[in-house]
Amino acid sequence: MPTEDIRVSSVFISLCLFLVSMFIITRKNDLQTKNMLLYVCTFLTATIKLGNGF
């Protein structure tokens, strides 16, 4: 499996998740939801960075 494909797809997935989370935050202005989404986004970003070897 080429690493560039994995990198591009992981960046695309993280971008989609970020946009969805921003949409949810703007639609539902709830502190608990914001904290949960922030935690999930941070975890996903760390996982993607580790997977790509950054």
Protein backbone atom coordinates (compact mmCIF):
# COMPACT_ATOMS: atom_id res chain seq x y z
CA MET A 1 0.00 0.00 0.00
CA PRO A 2 1.48 3.38 -0.97
CA THR A 3 1.89 5.75 1.94
CA GLU A 4 0.80 8.81 -0.06
CA ASP A 5 -2.68 7.35 -0.60
CA ILE A 6 -3.05 6.70 3.12
CA ARG A 7 -1.84 10.22 3.91
CA VAL A 8 -4.24 11.88 1.45
CA SER A 9 -7.22 9.81 2.60
CA SER A 10 -6.49 10.44 6.28
CA VAL A 11 -6.21 14.19 5.66
CA PHE A 12 -9.47 14.10 3.71
CA ILE A 13 -11.23 12.15 6.47
CA SER A 14 -9.95 14.54 9.15
CA LEU A 15 -11.11 17.53 7.09
CA CYS A 16 -14.58 16.01 6.70
CA LEU A 17 -14.78 15.25 10.42
CA PHE A 18 -13.65 18.79 11.22
CA LEU A 19 -16.33 20.30 8.97
CA VAL A 20 -19.02 18.05 10.44
CA SER A 21 -17.96 18.91 13.98
CA MET A 22 -17.97 22.63 13.19
CA PHE A 23 -21.45 22.28 11.72
CA ILE A 24 -22.69 20.46 14.83
CA ILE A 25 -21.09 23.09 17.10
CA THR A 26 -22.76 25.95 15.24
CA ARG A 27 -26.12 24.18 15.15
CA LYS A 28 -26.08 22.92 18.74
CA ASN A 29 -24.40 25.39 21.07
CA ASP A 30 -23.83 22.96 23.93
CA LEU A 31 -20.66 22.95 26.04
CA GLN A 32 -20.64 19.18 26.60
CA THR A 33 -20.98 18.54 22.86
CA LYS A 34 -18.13 20.97 22.15
CA ASN A 35 -15.85 19.29 24.68
CA MET A 36 -16.63 15.82 23.31
CA LEU A 37 -16.02 16.90 19.71
CA LEU A 38 -12.79 18.65 20.69
CA TYR A 39 -11.57 15.47 22.39
CA VAL A 40 -12.52 13.30 19.41
CA CYS A 41 -10.87 15.67 16.92
CA THR A 42 -7.69 15.87 19.00
CA PHE A 43 -7.57 12.07 19.30
CA LEU A 44 -8.12 11.59 15.55
CA THR A 45 -5.50 14.19 14.66
CA ALA A 46 -2.96 12.52 16.96
CA THR A 47 -3.77 9.09 15.50
CA ILE A 48 -3.42 10.36 11.92
CA LYS A 49 -0.13 12.11 12.72
CA LEU A 50 1.24 8.94 14.34
CA GLY A 51 0.05 6.87 11.39
CA ASN A 52 1.76 9.19 8.92
CA GLY A 53 4.92 9.35 11.03
CA PHE A 54 4.91 13.13 11.52
